[in-house]
Amino acid sequence: MRDIKSMWIENRLEQKDLMPKLVKQEIENEIRQDILDFLKVQEVANLATATPTNWPLIHAMHFATVADKEYRPVFYLFSVPGTRKLHNITVNPQVGLSVYNLLGYENKKQAKAFQFIGIAEVINDEEEFKKALAAQRSKLGYEFTEYLPLEKQPCIRVDVLYGTWMDQSRKHPFVSIDYLRQV
């Protein structure tokens, strides 16, 4: 994973003029909390993986998040076994993910979105799998997951490296967050 993080840092440095400005340190914790609160109530995320021949694939998925000890969102997404996304992640763990609320043009000042890149892996640790299952089943509005055989499905963990947050109600509606704090 260290090589992928190094590649990300190099890529970020090359493209830094194309990205929204990094959030100012004094409001970073507030923005991070806003992102975690936003993710708690959203239902679907779009997971982008790359095929072994580098063609992008987008997968709409239900998800749950928890905050790690460094206040970063960790995504958990359950998948039917044998899917392309699972195969793609084993070949290339670099993924993109986006979550946004759909409010329509008339409510555009309330629009929010979180887009990021991260590292994905299929969970093999039984304790973490239980944690992911509990997060998925306890998410507000996810009562339907009680009827899904999630215990028999692989679970994908995505660790966020770098994200772009859009909140149209803020003075600066587009900011970037470097969760590695290395760029």
Protein backbone atom coordinates (compact mmCIF):
# COMPACT_ATOMS: atom_id res chain seq x y z
CA MET A 1 0.00 0.00 0.00
CA ARG A 2 2.94 2.35 0.57
CA ASP A 3 3.74 2.40 -3.18
CA ILE A 4 0.16 3.41 -4.02
CA LYS A 5 0.25 6.23 -1.47
CA SER A 6 3.53 7.49 -2.91
CA MET A 7 2.03 7.41 -6.42
CA TRP A 8 -0.97 9.36 -5.13
CA ILE A 9 1.24 12.06 -3.64
CA GLU A 10 3.13 12.43 -6.92
CA ASN A 11 -0.16 12.62 -8.84
CA ARG A 12 -1.58 15.20 -6.43
CA LEU A 13 1.48 17.40 -6.77
CA GLU A 14 1.25 17.23 -10.57
CA GLN A 15 -2.43 18.23 -10.57
CA LYS A 16 -2.63 20.58 -7.59
CA ASP A 17 -3.50 23.61 -9.72
CA LEU A 18 -6.50 21.73 -11.15
CA MET A 19 -7.99 20.79 -7.77
CA PRO A 20 -10.00 22.94 -5.36
CA LYS A 21 -7.83 24.56 -2.70
CA LEU A 22 -7.03 22.57 0.41
CA VAL A 23 -9.31 23.45 3.31
CA LYS A 24 -7.81 25.89 5.80
CA GLN A 25 -6.49 24.23 8.94
CA GLU A 26 -8.71 26.26 11.28
CA ILE A 27 -11.93 24.90 9.73
CA GLU A 28 -10.71 21.44 8.68
CA ASN A 29 -12.19 19.60 11.68
CA GLU A 30 -15.54 21.32 11.13
CA ILE A 31 -15.53 20.30 7.46
CA ARG A 32 -14.53 16.74 8.35
CA GLN A 33 -17.47 16.54 10.78
CA ASP A 34 -19.82 17.97 8.13
CA ILE A 35 -18.67 15.22 5.75
CA LEU A 36 -19.21 12.47 8.34
CA ASP A 37 -22.68 13.85 9.17
CA PHE A 38 -23.55 14.03 5.47
CA LEU A 39 -22.45 10.45 4.85
CA LYS A 40 -24.60 9.15 7.73
CA VAL A 41 -27.81 10.10 5.92
CA GLN A 42 -26.96 9.33 2.30
CA GLU A 43 -28.14 6.06 0.82
CA VAL A 44 -26.10 5.33 -2.31
CA ALA A 45 -22.47 5.82 -3.30
CA ASN A 46 -20.98 5.46 -6.76
CA LEU A 47 -17.85 3.32 -6.63
CA ALA A 48 -15.45 3.58 -9.57
CA THR A 49 -13.06 0.72 -10.24
CA ALA A 50 -10.76 0.00 -13.16
CA THR A 51 -10.79 -3.25 -15.12
CA PRO A 52 -7.50 -5.11 -15.62
CA THR A 53 -7.26 -3.34 -19.00
CA ASN A 54 -7.90 0.04 -17.30
CA TRP A 55 -11.47 0.63 -18.44
CA PRO A 56 -13.49 2.45 -15.76
CA LEU A 57 -16.60 0.87 -14.27
CA ILE A 58 -19.09 2.63 -12.00
CA HIS A 59 -21.09 0.69 -9.42
CA ALA A 60 -24.01 2.24 -7.47
CA MET A 61 -23.94 0.69 -4.01
CA HIS A 62 -25.43 1.03 -0.56
CA PHE A 63 -22.78 1.86 2.02
CA ALA A 64 -22.02 2.59 5.64
CA THR A 65 -19.24 4.69 7.08
CA VAL A 66 -17.38 4.88 10.35
CA ALA A 67 -14.70 7.33 11.41
CA ASP A 68 -11.26 5.89 12.06
CA LYS A 69 -9.06 7.06 14.95
CA GLU A 70 -7.75 9.93 12.82
CA TYR A 71 -11.24 11.21 11.99
CA ARG A 72 -11.25 9.91 8.41
CA PRO A 73 -14.30 8.25 6.89
CA VAL A 74 -13.95 4.53 6.26
CA PHE A 75 -16.48 3.14 3.80
CA TYR A 76 -17.97 -0.35 3.97
CA LEU A 77 -19.79 -1.71 0.93
CA PHE A 78 -21.20 -5.24 0.64
CA SER A 79 -21.18 -7.00 -2.72
CA VAL A 80 -22.59 -10.14 -4.26
CA PRO A 81 -19.72 -12.67 -4.60
CA GLY A 82 -17.96 -12.98 -7.95
CA THR A 83 -18.69 -9.48 -9.29
CA ARG A 84 -16.48 -7.44 -11.58
CA LYS A 85 -15.91 -4.83 -8.89
CA LEU A 86 -14.44 -7.44 -6.55
CA HIS A 87 -12.18 -8.76 -9.28
CA ASN A 88 -11.13 -5.23 -10.27
CA ILE A 89 -10.22 -4.35 -6.67
CA THR A 90 -8.00 -7.43 -6.33
CA VAL A 91 -6.14 -6.36 -9.48
CA ASN A 92 -6.05 -2.61 -8.72
CA PRO A 93 -7.14 -1.34 -5.29
CA GLN A 94 -7.19 2.32 -6.38
CA VAL A 95 -10.82 3.49 -6.49
CA GLY A 96 -12.90 6.62 -6.73
CA LEU A 97 -16.16 7.17 -4.91
CA SER A 98 -18.82 9.87 -4.97
CA VAL A 99 -21.80 10.54 -2.73
CA TYR A 100 -24.23 13.37 -3.30
CA ASN A 101 -27.72 14.49 -2.39
CA LEU A 102 -30.27 14.95 -5.14
CA LEU A 103 -32.24 18.11 -4.46
CA GLY A 104 -33.05 19.60 -7.85
CA TYR A 105 -32.16 22.97 -9.29
CA GLU A 106 -34.58 24.94 -7.11
CA ASN A 107 -32.72 23.75 -3.99
CA LYS A 108 -29.21 24.09 -5.38
CA LYS A 109 -28.00 26.15 -2.39
CA GLN A 110 -28.50 23.03 -0.24
CA ALA A 111 -26.55 20.73 -2.56
CA LYS A 112 -23.70 18.73 -1.06
CA ALA A 113 -21.32 16.16 -2.49
CA PHE A 114 -18.21 14.26 -1.44
CA GLN A 115 -15.92 12.85 -4.12
CA PHE A 116 -12.69 11.12 -3.29
CA ILE A 117 -10.04 8.64 -4.19
CA GLY A 118 -9.04 5.82 -1.92
CA ILE A 119 -7.64 2.35 -1.45
CA ALA A 120 -10.08 -0.58 -1.41
CA GLU A 121 -9.66 -4.06 -0.05
CA VAL A 122 -11.93 -7.01 0.61
CA ILE A 123 -12.15 -7.57 4.35
CA ASN A 124 -10.76 -10.87 5.60
CA ASP A 125 -10.68 -10.04 9.32
CA GLU A 126 -13.72 -11.49 11.13
CA GLU A 127 -13.87 -8.71 13.76
CA GLU A 128 -13.77 -5.97 11.15
CA PHE A 129 -16.42 -7.80 9.11
CA LYS A 130 -18.70 -7.79 12.18
CA LYS A 131 -18.01 -4.06 12.64
CA ALA A 132 -18.89 -3.40 8.97
CA LEU A 133 -22.06 -5.48 9.23
CA ALA A 134 -23.14 -3.63 12.37
CA ALA A 135 -22.47 -0.26 10.69
CA GLN A 136 -24.52 -1.28 7.64
CA ARG A 137 -27.42 -2.68 9.65
CA SER A 138 -27.60 0.25 12.08
CA LYS A 139 -27.56 2.97 9.43
CA LEU A 140 -30.71 5.12 9.48
CA GLY A 141 -33.08 3.96 6.74
CA TYR A 142 -31.23 0.69 6.17
CA GLU A 143 -33.68 -1.54 8.03
CA PHE A 144 -34.14 -3.49 4.78
CA THR A 145 -30.63 -4.93 5.19
CA GLU A 146 -32.02 -7.29 7.84
CA TYR A 147 -33.55 -9.22 4.93
CA LEU A 148 -30.34 -9.39 2.89
CA PRO A 149 -27.81 -12.22 3.30
CA LEU A 150 -24.95 -9.81 4.02
CA GLU A 151 -23.23 -12.36 6.28
CA LYS A 152 -22.57 -14.42 3.14
CA GLN A 153 -21.33 -11.52 1.02
CA PRO A 154 -17.84 -10.08 0.70
CA CYS A 155 -17.39 -6.64 2.23
CA ILE A 156 -15.21 -3.96 0.66
CA ARG A 157 -13.40 -1.46 2.86
CA VAL A 158 -12.34 1.83 1.29
CA ASP A 159 -9.88 4.12 3.05
CA VAL A 160 -10.07 7.72 1.90
CA LEU A 161 -6.82 9.34 0.77
CA TYR A 162 -8.01 12.65 -0.67
CA GLY A 163 -11.42 14.17 -1.16
CA THR A 164 -13.27 17.10 -2.61
CA TRP A 165 -16.19 18.45 -0.58
CA MET A 166 -18.92 20.59 -2.08
CA ASP A 167 -21.32 22.42 0.19
CA GLN A 168 -23.20 25.19 -1.62
CA SER A 169 -24.30 26.78 1.66
CA ARG A 170 -20.71 27.73 2.59
CA LYS A 171 -18.72 30.84 1.67
CA HIS A 172 -16.21 28.62 -0.15
CA PRO A 173 -18.39 25.85 -1.57
CA PHE A 174 -15.56 23.67 -2.98
CA VAL A 175 -12.64 22.54 -0.83
CA SER A 176 -10.20 19.66 -0.86
CA ILE A 177 -9.16 17.56 2.11
CA ASP A 178 -5.90 15.65 2.20
CA TYR A 179 -6.65 12.83 4.63
CA LEU A 180 -3.02 11.69 4.51
CA ARG A 181 -1.82 15.23 5.34
CA GLN A 182 1.14 14.74 3.06
CA VAL A 183 0.53 17.16 0.20
